[in-house]
Amino acid sequence: MYKKTRKNGAGDKEERIMGVAVNLDRPCTISESIMQSCKEVKSMREGRTPKRSLNDLFANIEKWSKEEEK
């Protein structure tokens, strides 16, 4: 695996801070999110949950953005 090397320690503190900030913003890891999405798609295909389209997603995004403006 490729590893970046530096002559001085500049940037190490920034990288740690950014790593912490990313962890605070995410409720779960990327792999957990992908697994959850796969479970949702499987559930939709099996008919246990209603199917959602891209138009549904856009409608929800518009609804959420209007709710945040209030």
C-alpha atoms as a PDB file:
ATOM      1  CA  MET A   1       0.000   0.000   0.000  1.00  0.00           C
ATOM      2  CA  TYR A   2       1.219   3.496  -0.777  1.00  0.00           C
ATOM      3  CA  LYS A   3       2.098   5.654   2.181  1.00  0.00           C
ATOM      4  CA  LYS A   4       2.700   9.379   2.051  1.00  0.00           C
ATOM      5  CA  THR A   5       5.889  10.558   3.651  1.00  0.00           C
ATOM      6  CA  ARG A   6       6.633  14.020   4.887  1.00  0.00           C
ATOM      7  CA  LYS A   7       9.795  15.686   6.021  1.00  0.00           C
ATOM      8  CA  ASN A   8       8.022  17.575   8.790  1.00  0.00           C
ATOM      9  CA  GLY A   9       4.861  16.838  10.756  1.00  0.00           C
ATOM     10  CA  ALA A  10       2.887  19.562   9.000  1.00  0.00           C
ATOM     11  CA  GLY A  11      -0.606  18.486   8.130  1.00  0.00           C
ATOM     12  CA  ASP A  12      -0.790  15.538  10.527  1.00  0.00           C
ATOM     13  CA  LYS A  13      -2.859  17.517  13.009  1.00  0.00           C
ATOM     14  CA  GLU A  14      -5.154  18.716  10.214  1.00  0.00           C
ATOM     15  CA  GLU A  15      -5.637  15.158   8.979  1.00  0.00           C
ATOM     16  CA  ARG A  16      -6.583  13.977  12.476  1.00  0.00           C
ATOM     17  CA  ILE A  17      -9.032  16.854  12.877  1.00  0.00           C
ATOM     18  CA  MET A  18     -10.630  16.140   9.496  1.00  0.00           C
ATOM     19  CA  GLY A  19     -10.873  12.435  10.347  1.00  0.00           C
ATOM     20  CA  VAL A  20     -12.681  13.237  13.584  1.00  0.00           C
ATOM     21  CA  ALA A  21     -14.986  15.687  11.799  1.00  0.00           C
ATOM     22  CA  VAL A  22     -15.915  13.051   9.216  1.00  0.00           C
ATOM     23  CA  ASN A  23     -16.632  10.496  11.938  1.00  0.00           C
ATOM     24  CA  LEU A  24     -18.888  12.927  13.788  1.00  0.00           C
ATOM     25  CA  ASP A  25     -20.955  13.714  10.701  1.00  0.00           C
ATOM     26  CA  ARG A  26     -21.572  10.092   9.724  1.00  0.00           C
ATOM     27  CA  PRO A  27     -24.041   8.059  11.739  1.00  0.00           C
ATOM     28  CA  CYS A  28     -22.467   4.877  10.344  1.00  0.00           C
ATOM     29  CA  THR A  29     -19.569   3.715   8.192  1.00  0.00           C
ATOM     30  CA  ILE A  30     -19.721   3.604   4.414  1.00  0.00           C
ATOM     31  CA  SER A  31     -19.825  -0.197   4.400  1.00  0.00           C
ATOM     32  CA  GLU A  32     -22.689  -0.205   6.921  1.00  0.00           C
ATOM     33  CA  SER A  33     -24.587   2.251   4.738  1.00  0.00           C
ATOM     34  CA  ILE A  34     -24.088   0.086   1.641  1.00  0.00           C
ATOM     35  CA  MET A  35     -25.235  -3.033   3.514  1.00  0.00           C
ATOM     36  CA  GLN A  36     -28.363  -1.213   4.717  1.00  0.00           C
ATOM     37  CA  SER A  37     -29.112  -0.070   1.157  1.00  0.00           C
ATOM     38  CA  CYS A  38     -28.747  -3.624  -0.131  1.00  0.00           C
ATOM     39  CA  LYS A  39     -31.156  -4.876   2.546  1.00  0.00           C
ATOM     40  CA  GLU A  40     -33.679  -2.191   1.569  1.00  0.00           C
ATOM     41  CA  VAL A  41     -33.453  -3.106  -2.134  1.00  0.00           C
ATOM     42  CA  LYS A  42     -33.869  -6.803  -1.299  1.00  0.00           C
ATOM     43  CA  SER A  43     -36.902  -5.986   0.827  1.00  0.00           C
ATOM     44  CA  MET A  44     -38.413  -3.949  -2.035  1.00  0.00           C
ATOM     45  CA  ARG A  45     -37.818  -6.761  -4.530  1.00  0.00           C
ATOM     46  CA  GLU A  46     -39.484  -9.261  -2.212  1.00  0.00           C
ATOM     47  CA  GLY A  47     -42.499  -6.958  -1.865  1.00  0.00           C
ATOM     48  CA  ARG A  48     -42.137  -6.375   1.889  1.00  0.00           C
ATOM     49  CA  THR A  49     -41.695  -2.609   1.444  1.00  0.00           C
ATOM     50  CA  PRO A  50     -43.091  -0.360  -1.282  1.00  0.00           C
ATOM     51  CA  LYS A  51     -40.793   0.397  -4.187  1.00  0.00           C
ATOM     52  CA  ARG A  52     -39.396   3.905  -4.424  1.00  0.00           C
ATOM     53  CA  SER A  53     -38.340   5.706  -7.561  1.00  0.00           C
ATOM     54  CA  LEU A  54     -35.876   8.479  -8.271  1.00  0.00           C
ATOM     55  CA  ASN A  55     -38.820  10.875  -8.536  1.00  0.00           C
ATOM     56  CA  ASP A  56     -39.832   9.893  -4.992  1.00  0.00           C
ATOM     57  CA  LEU A  57     -36.336  10.704  -3.812  1.00  0.00           C
ATOM     58  CA  PHE A  58     -36.401  14.145  -5.442  1.00  0.00           C
ATOM     59  CA  ALA A  59     -39.833  14.856  -3.956  1.00  0.00           C
ATOM     60  CA  ASN A  60     -38.557  13.901  -0.495  1.00  0.00           C
ATOM     61  CA  ILE A  61     -35.483  16.095  -0.897  1.00  0.00           C
ATOM     62  CA  GLU A  62     -37.667  19.064  -1.805  1.00  0.00           C
ATOM     63  CA  LYS A  63     -39.936  18.351   1.173  1.00  0.00           C
ATOM     64  CA  TRP A  64     -36.975  18.075   3.569  1.00  0.00           C
ATOM     65  CA  SER A  65     -35.399  21.279   2.299  1.00  0.00           C
ATOM     66  CA  LYS A  66     -38.683  23.170   2.793  1.00  0.00           C
ATOM     67  CA  GLU A  67     -38.961  21.788   6.342  1.00  0.00           C
ATOM     68  CA  GLU A  68     -35.412  22.938   7.150  1.00  0.00           C
ATOM     69  CA  GLU A  69     -36.164  26.480   5.935  1.00  0.00           C
ATOM     70  CA  LYS A  70     -38.961  26.847   8.506  1.00  0.00           C
END
